[in-house]
C-alpha atoms as a PDB file:
ATOM      1  CA  MET A   1      18.518  20.704  -0.854  1.00  0.00           C
ATOM      2  CA  SER A   2      20.031  18.163  -3.195  1.00  0.00           C
ATOM      3  CA  LEU A   3      19.802  14.408  -2.986  1.00  0.00           C
ATOM      4  CA  SER A   4      23.069  12.573  -2.529  1.00  0.00           C
ATOM      5  CA  ALA A   5      23.685   9.156  -4.053  1.00  0.00           C
ATOM      6  CA  SER A   6      23.131   7.710  -0.580  1.00  0.00           C
ATOM      7  CA  ASP A   7      19.824   9.572  -0.222  1.00  0.00           C
ATOM      8  CA  LYS A   8      18.640   8.258  -3.577  1.00  0.00           C
ATOM      9  CA  GLU A   9      19.510   4.694  -2.662  1.00  0.00           C
ATOM     10  CA  THR A  10      17.792   5.043   0.723  1.00  0.00           C
ATOM     11  CA  VAL A  11      14.635   6.378  -0.961  1.00  0.00           C
ATOM     12  CA  LYS A  12      14.605   3.544  -3.496  1.00  0.00           C
ATOM     13  CA  LEU A  13      15.032   0.894  -0.800  1.00  0.00           C
ATOM     14  CA  PHE A  14      12.432   2.430   1.491  1.00  0.00           C
ATOM     15  CA  TRP A  15       9.924   2.852  -1.337  1.00  0.00           C
ATOM     16  CA  LYS A  16       9.985  -0.887  -1.946  1.00  0.00           C
ATOM     17  CA  LYS A  17       8.426  -1.229   1.509  1.00  0.00           C
ATOM     18  CA  VAL A  18       5.676   1.229   0.562  1.00  0.00           C
ATOM     19  CA  ALA A  19       4.784  -0.759  -2.567  1.00  0.00           C
ATOM     20  CA  GLY A  20       1.401  -2.396  -2.144  1.00  0.00           C
ATOM     21  CA  LYS A  21       0.318   0.108   0.506  1.00  0.00           C
ATOM     22  CA  GLN A  22       0.107   3.193  -1.693  1.00  0.00           C
ATOM     23  CA  GLU A  23      -3.657   3.495  -1.344  1.00  0.00           C
ATOM     24  CA  ASP A  24      -3.530   3.327   2.460  1.00  0.00           C
ATOM     25  CA  VAL A  25      -0.638   5.777   2.732  1.00  0.00           C
ATOM     26  CA  GLY A  26      -2.113   8.180   0.197  1.00  0.00           C
ATOM     27  CA  SER A  27      -5.650   8.205   1.564  1.00  0.00           C
ATOM     28  CA  ASP A  28      -4.454   8.720   5.142  1.00  0.00           C
ATOM     29  CA  ALA A  29      -2.098  11.534   4.046  1.00  0.00           C
ATOM     30  CA  LEU A  30      -4.844  13.267   2.031  1.00  0.00           C
ATOM     31  CA  CYS A  31      -7.356  12.937   4.859  1.00  0.00           C
ATOM     32  CA  ARG A  32      -4.842  14.346   7.350  1.00  0.00           C
ATOM     33  CA  MET A  33      -4.001  17.206   5.005  1.00  0.00           C
ATOM     34  CA  MET A  34      -7.650  18.177   4.593  1.00  0.00           C
ATOM     35  CA  THR A  35      -8.250  17.933   8.348  1.00  0.00           C
ATOM     36  CA  VAL A  36      -5.166  19.820   9.526  1.00  0.00           C
ATOM     37  CA  TYR A  37      -5.154  22.280   6.602  1.00  0.00           C
ATOM     38  CA  PRO A  38      -8.863  22.739   5.810  1.00  0.00           C
ATOM     39  CA  GLN A  39      -8.109  25.274   3.066  1.00  0.00           C
ATOM     40  CA  THR A  40      -6.929  22.327   0.944  1.00  0.00           C
ATOM     41  CA  LYS A  41     -10.492  20.986   0.822  1.00  0.00           C
ATOM     42  CA  THR A  42     -11.356  23.570  -1.833  1.00  0.00           C
ATOM     43  CA  TYR A  43      -9.773  21.365  -4.505  1.00  0.00           C
ATOM     44  CA  PHE A  44     -12.029  18.481  -3.525  1.00  0.00           C
ATOM     45  CA  ALA A  45     -15.346  20.271  -2.945  1.00  0.00           C
ATOM     46  CA  HIS A  46     -17.011  17.993  -5.513  1.00  0.00           C
ATOM     47  CA  TRP A  47     -16.328  14.910  -3.365  1.00  0.00           C
ATOM     48  CA  LYS A  48     -19.224  13.890  -1.127  1.00  0.00           C
ATOM     49  CA  ASP A  49     -17.041  12.179   1.497  1.00  0.00           C
ATOM     50  CA  LEU A  50     -13.577  13.356   2.561  1.00  0.00           C
ATOM     51  CA  SER A  51     -12.868  10.603   5.102  1.00  0.00           C
ATOM     52  CA  SER A  52      -9.903   8.281   4.654  1.00  0.00           C
ATOM     53  CA  ASN A  53     -12.282   5.445   3.726  1.00  0.00           C
ATOM     54  CA  SER A  54     -14.027   7.486   1.040  1.00  0.00           C
ATOM     55  CA  PRO A  55     -13.670   5.939  -2.413  1.00  0.00           C
ATOM     56  CA  TYR A  56     -12.730   9.395  -3.754  1.00  0.00           C
ATOM     57  CA  VAL A  57      -9.965   9.897  -1.193  1.00  0.00           C
ATOM     58  CA  ARG A  58      -8.688   6.332  -1.571  1.00  0.00           C
ATOM     59  CA  LYS A  59      -8.570   6.596  -5.365  1.00  0.00           C
ATOM     60  CA  HIS A  60      -6.800   9.952  -5.365  1.00  0.00           C
ATOM     61  CA  GLY A  61      -4.480   8.845  -2.563  1.00  0.00           C
ATOM     62  CA  LYS A  62      -3.437   5.872  -4.649  1.00  0.00           C
ATOM     63  CA  THR A  63      -2.980   8.114  -7.703  1.00  0.00           C
ATOM     64  CA  VAL A  64      -0.761  10.487  -5.722  1.00  0.00           C
ATOM     65  CA  MET A  65       1.341   7.694  -4.272  1.00  0.00           C
ATOM     66  CA  ASN A  66       1.665   5.978  -7.645  1.00  0.00           C
ATOM     67  CA  GLY A  67       2.891   9.319  -8.999  1.00  0.00           C
ATOM     68  CA  ILE A  68       5.461   9.506  -6.246  1.00  0.00           C
ATOM     69  CA  GLY A  69       6.447   5.929  -7.035  1.00  0.00           C
ATOM     70  CA  GLU A  70       7.039   7.027 -10.635  1.00  0.00           C
ATOM     71  CA  ALA A  71       9.122   9.922  -9.307  1.00  0.00           C
ATOM     72  CA  VAL A  72      11.269   7.404  -7.426  1.00  0.00           C
ATOM     73  CA  LYS A  73      11.975   5.741 -10.764  1.00  0.00           C
ATOM     74  CA  LYS A  74      12.888   9.155 -12.242  1.00  0.00           C
ATOM     75  CA  ILE A  75      14.857  10.282  -9.200  1.00  0.00           C
ATOM     76  CA  ASP A  76      17.848  11.357 -11.308  1.00  0.00           C
ATOM     77  CA  ASP A  77      15.734  13.792 -13.394  1.00  0.00           C
ATOM     78  CA  LEU A  78      12.733  14.897 -11.371  1.00  0.00           C
ATOM     79  CA  ASP A  79      12.225  18.145 -13.294  1.00  0.00           C
ATOM     80  CA  GLY A  80      12.076  16.342 -16.628  1.00  0.00           C
ATOM     81  CA  GLY A  81      10.331  13.277 -15.266  1.00  0.00           C
ATOM     82  CA  LEU A  82       7.550  15.258 -13.603  1.00  0.00           C
ATOM     83  CA  LEU A  83       7.111  17.898 -16.311  1.00  0.00           C
ATOM     84  CA  ALA A  84       3.711  16.595 -17.459  1.00  0.00           C
ATOM     85  CA  LEU A  85       2.420  16.500 -13.864  1.00  0.00           C
ATOM     86  CA  SER A  86       3.766  19.992 -13.258  1.00  0.00           C
ATOM     87  CA  GLU A  87       1.926  21.286 -16.316  1.00  0.00           C
ATOM     88  CA  LEU A  88      -1.282  19.486 -15.307  1.00  0.00           C
ATOM     89  CA  HIS A  89      -1.271  20.922 -11.784  1.00  0.00           C
ATOM     90  CA  ALA A  90      -0.260  24.421 -12.911  1.00  0.00           C
ATOM     91  CA  PHE A  91      -2.404  24.952 -15.983  1.00  0.00           C
ATOM     92  CA  GLN A  92      -5.421  22.668 -15.684  1.00  0.00           C
ATOM     93  CA  LEU A  93      -5.932  21.923 -11.999  1.00  0.00           C
ATOM     94  CA  ARG A  94      -4.464  25.242 -10.809  1.00  0.00           C
ATOM     95  CA  VAL A  95      -3.296  23.810  -7.516  1.00  0.00           C
ATOM     96  CA  ASP A  96      -1.457  26.236  -5.252  1.00  0.00           C
ATOM     97  CA  PRO A  97       2.094  24.831  -5.180  1.00  0.00           C
ATOM     98  CA  THR A  98       2.260  25.364  -1.417  1.00  0.00           C
ATOM     99  CA  ASN A  99      -0.040  22.366  -1.157  1.00  0.00           C
ATOM    100  CA  PHE A 100       2.677  20.069  -2.505  1.00  0.00           C
ATOM    101  CA  LYS A 101       4.770  20.837   0.579  1.00  0.00           C
ATOM    102  CA  ILE A 102       1.761  20.426   2.856  1.00  0.00           C
ATOM    103  CA  LEU A 103       0.950  17.034   1.364  1.00  0.00           C
ATOM    104  CA  SER A 104       4.619  16.007   1.559  1.00  0.00           C
ATOM    105  CA  HIS A 105       4.611  16.722   5.283  1.00  0.00           C
ATOM    106  CA  ASN A 106       1.486  14.617   5.763  1.00  0.00           C
ATOM    107  CA  ILE A 107       2.981  11.769   3.759  1.00  0.00           C
ATOM    108  CA  LEU A 108       6.003  11.813   6.097  1.00  0.00           C
ATOM    109  CA  VAL A 109       3.711  11.606   9.127  1.00  0.00           C
ATOM    110  CA  VAL A 110       1.856   8.623   7.680  1.00  0.00           C
ATOM    111  CA  LEU A 111       5.074   6.843   6.695  1.00  0.00           C
ATOM    112  CA  ALA A 112       6.372   7.260  10.246  1.00  0.00           C
ATOM    113  CA  ILE A 113       3.143   5.780  11.633  1.00  0.00           C
ATOM    114  CA  MET A 114       2.831   2.915   9.157  1.00  0.00           C
ATOM    115  CA  PHE A 115       6.516   1.952   9.028  1.00  0.00           C
ATOM    116  CA  PRO A 116       7.875   2.701  12.513  1.00  0.00           C
ATOM    117  CA  ASP A 117      10.798   0.285  12.300  1.00  0.00           C
ATOM    118  CA  GLU A 118      11.799   1.024   8.710  1.00  0.00           C
ATOM    119  CA  PHE A 119      11.348   4.810   8.868  1.00  0.00           C
ATOM    120  CA  THR A 120      14.642   5.412  10.602  1.00  0.00           C
ATOM    121  CA  PRO A 121      16.134   8.895  11.009  1.00  0.00           C
ATOM    122  CA  VAL A 122      18.278   8.214   7.917  1.00  0.00           C
ATOM    123  CA  ALA A 123      15.220   7.154   5.893  1.00  0.00           C
ATOM    124  CA  HIS A 124      13.282  10.134   7.244  1.00  0.00           C
ATOM    125  CA  VAL A 125      15.908  12.632   6.080  1.00  0.00           C
ATOM    126  CA  ALA A 126      16.263  11.018   2.651  1.00  0.00           C
ATOM    127  CA  VAL A 127      12.513  10.721   2.024  1.00  0.00           C
ATOM    128  CA  ASP A 128      11.938  14.267   3.274  1.00  0.00           C
ATOM    129  CA  LYS A 129      14.599  15.623   0.900  1.00  0.00           C
ATOM    130  CA  PHE A 130      13.114  13.560  -1.922  1.00  0.00           C
ATOM    131  CA  LEU A 131       9.551  14.769  -1.317  1.00  0.00           C
ATOM    132  CA  GLN A 132      10.779  18.361  -1.188  1.00  0.00           C
ATOM    133  CA  ALA A 133      12.541  17.808  -4.513  1.00  0.00           C
ATOM    134  CA  VAL A 134       9.310  16.366  -5.930  1.00  0.00           C
ATOM    135  CA  ALA A 135       7.375  19.406  -4.656  1.00  0.00           C
ATOM    136  CA  LYS A 136       9.936  21.698  -6.280  1.00  0.00           C
ATOM    137  CA  ALA A 137       9.730  19.813  -9.586  1.00  0.00           C
ATOM    138  CA  LEU A 138       5.926  19.947  -9.530  1.00  0.00           C
ATOM    139  CA  ALA A 139       6.080  23.709  -8.944  1.00  0.00           C
ATOM    140  CA  GLU A 140       8.435  24.202 -11.910  1.00  0.00           C
ATOM    141  CA  LYS A 141       5.724  25.359 -14.359  1.00  0.00           C
ATOM    142  CA  TYR A 142       4.446  27.959 -11.897  1.00  0.00           C
ATOM    143  CA  ARG A 143       7.515  30.129 -12.482  1.00  0.00           C
END
């Protein structure tokens, strides 16, 4: 699924609305992921608290969302722009790449909840395509 010029512009415009709320979006998405898909907790077994208010979850949620924000800036070359993150997740963290898609889905849910007026069907499609492209780019080093 490729991103059209219109999709890219929609993602860039929508992401401006997310700016400043990355920690809230990310921590809620991570918490949802670990609740709905408990197998994902294995990567965070060293955290004492997995709630959305946990400092561990909030910090990592912000890190994830800041990474996605960087991907927005590199939207024309996601494979190249996310190469270092792909290598990190594949070789050091050894994260199952399926989890990128799972987290992407949870991010979409949170965006729909937090931005009900702005997350139109057009924005939904564009952001979904973008997050799938990010997941694909992050999985690049697994091949």
